[in-house]
Amino acid sequence: MSSERLIAESVSHAAIHDAVQSRGFALVSQCLTTSEIESLRTEFAATAAPERNLFSRESIRLLATSPLIRGLAESVLGPSCFAVRAIFFNKTPEANWKVAWHQDLTIAVREKCETAGFSSWSVKHGVPHVQPPAPILERVLAIRLHLDDNEDDNGPLRCIPGSHRFGRLTNDEIRDLDKSHSVTCHARTGSVLLMRPLVAHASSSCTSVRPRRVVHIEFANVELPNGLEWNERV
């Protein structure tokens, strides 16, 4: 297992695109200012995580449409992309969890509509969720904004480089992946992790009292078939 430190602040959008395409993820430093970080920490101070449907908050809508975050999304998905979901996560001693190796397979839609290739319907916080075909997930990008340093003691993500290129995997296929080359994504406060949902990833429980607060925003550049609509679109 290796450790991923932050890409230099001056990294180009082309380099970010290449890293995400080849590895499935990229870390970029110093994307949020100190004032932005403190404002978000204050806003979510009393939040029981995870909190979904964050585009009801003006601060998160403005963040998703800001030139910096929008530019990062466009560097991978192109100028036609749009934000489709935002979630706040925090690991604390009171809300602590270990996440086994997996891919992110669900999207949030406005209404349930049975559609070929879309399966495993569920409802989260009142919103229908479904697992779409892999070609849909291949056109989604998650941007995770770190409000705290994320080190070994507070549950950093671990990713398997290139695993997104294998498509949608079964549980057995994920179990059999070679994890010896997995990367621990040590992220500094204010940094951003760009990640394809199909990259296999995991995280450990926290072993410290330090929080691990993350604003997770997903972008897509694809329309859904058969009358299905993204639940949110910013």
Protein backbone atom coordinates (compact mmCIF):
# COMPACT_ATOMS: atom_id res chain seq x y z
CA MET A 1 0.00 0.00 0.00
CA SER A 2 1.31 3.43 -0.87
CA SER A 3 0.46 6.93 0.32
CA GLU A 4 -0.85 9.63 -1.97
CA ARG A 5 0.23 13.17 -1.16
CA LEU A 6 -1.27 16.21 -2.77
CA ILE A 7 -0.65 17.22 -6.35
CA ALA A 8 1.05 20.60 -6.51
CA GLU A 9 -1.28 23.59 -6.30
CA SER A 10 -0.29 24.68 -9.80
CA VAL A 11 -1.27 21.38 -11.45
CA SER A 12 -2.99 21.88 -14.79
CA HIS A 13 -6.50 20.76 -15.64
CA ALA A 14 -4.96 18.54 -18.31
CA ALA A 15 -2.88 16.74 -15.67
CA ILE A 16 -5.97 16.31 -13.47
CA HIS A 17 -7.89 14.88 -16.42
CA ASP A 18 -5.11 12.42 -17.22
CA ALA A 19 -4.79 11.29 -13.59
CA VAL A 20 -8.53 10.68 -13.19
CA GLN A 21 -8.77 8.88 -16.53
CA SER A 22 -5.82 6.58 -15.82
CA ARG A 23 -6.06 6.05 -12.07
CA GLY A 24 -9.68 6.90 -11.28
CA PHE A 25 -8.82 9.65 -8.78
CA ALA A 26 -6.63 12.70 -8.19
CA LEU A 27 -5.85 14.90 -5.19
CA VAL A 28 -5.52 18.67 -5.60
CA SER A 29 -4.27 20.98 -2.85
CA GLN A 30 -5.48 24.31 -1.46
CA CYS A 31 -8.79 24.54 -3.27
CA LEU A 32 -10.71 26.18 -0.40
CA THR A 33 -9.72 29.37 1.38
CA THR A 34 -9.45 29.58 5.16
CA SER A 35 -12.63 31.67 5.31
CA GLU A 36 -14.54 29.16 3.16
CA ILE A 37 -13.40 26.29 5.37
CA GLU A 38 -14.38 28.07 8.59
CA SER A 39 -17.74 29.07 7.14
CA LEU A 40 -18.55 25.49 6.17
CA ARG A 41 -17.35 24.13 9.51
CA THR A 42 -19.64 26.57 11.28
CA GLU A 43 -22.60 25.80 9.04
CA PHE A 44 -22.31 22.05 9.62
CA ALA A 45 -21.25 22.22 13.28
CA ALA A 46 -24.48 20.69 14.56
CA THR A 47 -25.09 18.36 11.62
CA ALA A 48 -25.64 14.66 12.21
CA ALA A 49 -23.84 13.09 9.26
CA PRO A 50 -24.43 12.00 6.67
CA GLU A 51 -26.70 14.80 5.51
CA ARG A 52 -28.05 14.46 1.98
CA ASN A 53 -29.84 16.77 -0.45
CA LEU A 54 -27.43 19.62 0.29
CA PHE A 55 -28.40 21.73 -2.70
CA SER A 56 -31.21 23.06 -0.52
CA ARG A 57 -28.39 25.09 1.07
CA GLU A 58 -27.36 28.20 -0.83
CA SER A 59 -23.74 27.82 0.31
CA ILE A 60 -23.45 24.40 -1.36
CA ARG A 61 -25.13 25.55 -4.57
CA LEU A 62 -22.68 28.45 -4.75
CA LEU A 63 -19.78 26.09 -4.05
CA ALA A 64 -20.83 23.68 -6.81
CA THR A 65 -21.11 26.49 -9.35
CA SER A 66 -17.95 28.35 -8.26
CA PRO A 67 -15.32 28.76 -11.01
CA LEU A 68 -12.82 26.62 -9.12
CA ILE A 69 -15.03 23.59 -8.38
CA ARG A 70 -16.86 23.85 -11.68
CA GLY A 71 -13.50 24.08 -13.46
CA LEU A 72 -12.29 20.89 -11.78
CA ALA A 73 -15.44 19.06 -12.83
CA GLU A 74 -15.17 20.34 -16.39
CA SER A 75 -11.53 19.25 -16.59
CA VAL A 76 -12.78 15.64 -16.48
CA LEU A 77 -16.38 15.74 -17.73
CA GLY A 78 -16.32 18.69 -20.12
CA PRO A 79 -18.34 21.94 -20.19
CA SER A 80 -21.74 20.23 -20.44
CA CYS A 81 -21.50 18.72 -16.93
CA PHE A 82 -23.82 19.64 -14.04
CA ALA A 83 -23.94 18.89 -10.31
CA VAL A 84 -26.44 16.15 -9.34
CA ARG A 85 -25.94 15.35 -5.66
CA ALA A 86 -24.26 16.75 -2.54
CA ILE A 87 -23.69 14.99 0.80
CA PHE A 88 -21.96 15.96 4.04
CA PHE A 89 -19.93 13.23 5.79
CA ASN A 90 -18.23 13.32 9.17
CA LYS A 91 -16.50 10.60 11.14
CA THR A 92 -16.35 11.24 14.89
CA PRO A 93 -16.11 9.01 17.98
CA GLU A 94 -19.93 9.19 18.14
CA ALA A 95 -20.46 8.51 14.42
CA ASN A 96 -17.68 6.20 13.37
CA TRP A 97 -17.78 3.52 10.72
CA LYS A 98 -15.56 1.29 8.66
CA VAL A 99 -16.32 0.96 4.95
CA ALA A 100 -15.30 -2.24 3.17
CA TRP A 101 -13.98 -2.26 -0.40
CA HIS A 102 -16.76 -1.21 -2.77
CA GLN A 103 -17.79 0.93 -5.71
CA ASP A 104 -20.34 3.75 -5.53
CA LEU A 105 -23.20 2.35 -7.58
CA THR A 106 -26.29 4.44 -6.79
CA ILE A 107 -27.64 7.71 -8.14
CA ALA A 108 -30.51 9.87 -6.85
CA VAL A 109 -33.50 10.40 -9.16
CA ARG A 110 -36.66 12.50 -8.94
CA GLU A 111 -39.18 9.68 -9.29
CA LYS A 112 -39.07 5.91 -9.53
CA CYS A 113 -39.59 4.68 -13.08
CA GLU A 114 -38.82 1.05 -13.86
CA THR A 115 -36.23 1.11 -16.64
CA ALA A 116 -34.17 -1.62 -18.28
CA GLY A 117 -30.69 -1.82 -16.78
CA PHE A 118 -31.65 0.17 -13.65
CA SER A 119 -31.92 -1.99 -10.53
CA SER A 120 -31.87 -2.17 -6.72
CA TRP A 121 -34.29 0.66 -6.08
CA SER A 122 -34.21 2.22 -2.59
CA VAL A 123 -35.22 5.39 -0.78
CA LYS A 124 -32.73 7.51 1.17
CA HIS A 125 -33.92 10.56 3.09
CA GLY A 126 -37.12 10.52 1.05
CA VAL A 127 -35.38 10.44 -2.34
CA PRO A 128 -35.51 7.46 -4.76
CA HIS A 129 -32.10 5.93 -5.48
CA VAL A 130 -31.21 3.33 -8.11
CA GLN A 131 -28.19 1.53 -9.53
CA PRO A 132 -27.81 2.51 -13.21
CA PRO A 133 -25.84 0.68 -15.92
CA ALA A 134 -22.07 1.14 -15.87
CA PRO A 135 -22.05 3.53 -18.88
CA ILE A 136 -24.02 6.04 -16.76
CA LEU A 137 -21.64 5.73 -13.81
CA GLU A 138 -18.69 6.17 -16.16
CA ARG A 139 -19.93 9.70 -16.81
CA VAL A 140 -20.12 10.70 -13.14
CA LEU A 141 -17.40 12.33 -11.05
CA ALA A 142 -17.31 12.90 -7.29
CA ILE A 143 -15.51 15.94 -5.88
CA ARG A 144 -14.77 15.61 -2.15
CA LEU A 145 -13.86 18.81 -0.30
CA HIS A 146 -11.93 18.23 2.91
CA LEU A 147 -12.66 20.47 5.89
CA ASP A 148 -10.01 18.73 8.04
CA ASP A 149 -6.65 17.04 7.61
CA ASN A 150 -7.33 13.43 6.69
CA GLU A 151 -4.56 11.18 8.00
CA ASP A 152 -4.22 7.53 9.03
CA ASP A 153 -6.00 8.06 12.36
CA ASN A 154 -9.24 9.54 11.01
CA GLY A 155 -10.40 7.29 8.23
CA PRO A 156 -8.81 8.36 4.93
CA LEU A 157 -10.03 6.82 1.71
CA ARG A 158 -7.98 4.03 0.18
CA CYS A 159 -8.30 3.58 -3.59
CA ILE A 160 -7.10 0.94 -6.06
CA PRO A 161 -5.62 2.82 -9.03
CA GLY A 162 -7.16 1.85 -12.37
CA SER A 163 -9.94 -0.28 -10.90
CA HIS A 164 -12.60 1.99 -12.46
CA ARG A 165 -11.59 0.64 -15.87
CA PHE A 166 -12.93 -2.82 -14.97
CA GLY A 167 -16.53 -1.60 -15.06
CA ARG A 168 -19.12 -2.62 -12.52
CA LEU A 169 -17.75 -5.44 -10.37
CA THR A 170 -19.44 -8.12 -8.30
CA ASN A 171 -18.67 -8.44 -4.60
CA ASP A 172 -16.52 -11.48 -5.36
CA GLU A 173 -14.60 -9.58 -8.05
CA ILE A 174 -13.95 -6.70 -5.65
CA ARG A 175 -12.80 -9.16 -2.99
CA ASP A 176 -10.33 -10.70 -5.46
CA LEU A 177 -8.79 -7.40 -6.60
CA ASP A 178 -5.08 -6.97 -5.89
CA LYS A 179 -5.05 -4.49 -3.02
CA SER A 180 -1.29 -4.49 -2.50
CA HIS A 181 -1.00 -1.40 -4.70
CA SER A 182 -3.87 0.50 -3.07
CA VAL A 183 -3.25 4.15 -2.28
CA THR A 184 -4.13 5.93 0.96
CA CYS A 185 -5.35 9.42 0.10
CA HIS A 186 -3.93 11.67 2.80
CA ALA A 187 -5.70 14.97 2.24
CA ARG A 188 -4.92 18.32 3.83
CA THR A 189 -7.58 20.78 4.98
CA GLY A 190 -8.95 22.66 1.97
CA SER A 191 -7.89 20.04 -0.55
CA VAL A 192 -10.10 18.21 -3.03
CA LEU A 193 -10.24 14.57 -4.08
CA LEU A 194 -11.70 13.91 -7.54
CA MET A 195 -12.90 10.33 -7.86
CA ARG A 196 -14.73 8.14 -10.35
CA PRO A 197 -17.56 6.23 -8.63
CA LEU A 198 -16.40 2.92 -10.13
CA VAL A 199 -12.92 3.10 -8.58
CA ALA A 200 -12.78 0.50 -5.79
CA HIS A 201 -12.29 2.25 -2.46
CA ALA A 202 -12.54 1.70 1.28
CA SER A 203 -11.93 3.55 4.54
CA SER A 204 -11.11 2.60 8.12
CA SER A 205 -12.77 3.74 11.32
CA CYS A 206 -11.28 6.73 13.09
CA THR A 207 -8.88 6.02 15.95
CA SER A 208 -8.61 9.65 17.08
CA VAL A 209 -11.07 12.26 18.31
CA ARG A 210 -10.32 14.51 15.33
CA PRO A 211 -13.27 14.93 12.93
CA ARG A 212 -13.19 13.99 9.27
CA ARG A 213 -15.61 16.42 7.66
CA VAL A 214 -16.14 16.17 3.90
CA VAL A 215 -18.53 17.91 1.51
CA HIS A 216 -19.10 15.41 -1.31
CA ILE A 217 -20.45 16.85 -4.59
CA GLU A 218 -21.20 14.68 -7.63
CA PHE A 219 -21.25 15.89 -11.23
CA ALA A 220 -22.52 14.15 -14.37
CA ASN A 221 -22.57 14.84 -18.10
CA VAL A 222 -25.27 12.43 -19.20
CA GLU A 223 -29.07 12.53 -19.43
CA LEU A 224 -31.07 9.61 -18.03
CA PRO A 225 -33.33 7.49 -20.28
CA ASN A 226 -37.03 6.64 -20.23
CA GLY A 227 -38.17 9.81 -18.47
CA LEU A 228 -35.86 9.34 -15.48
CA GLU A 229 -34.46 12.61 -14.13
CA TRP A 230 -31.60 13.43 -11.78
CA ASN A 231 -33.11 14.39 -8.43
CA GLU A 232 -31.07 17.59 -8.31
CA ARG A 233 -29.39 19.54 -11.07
CA VAL A 234 -27.23 22.59 -10.40
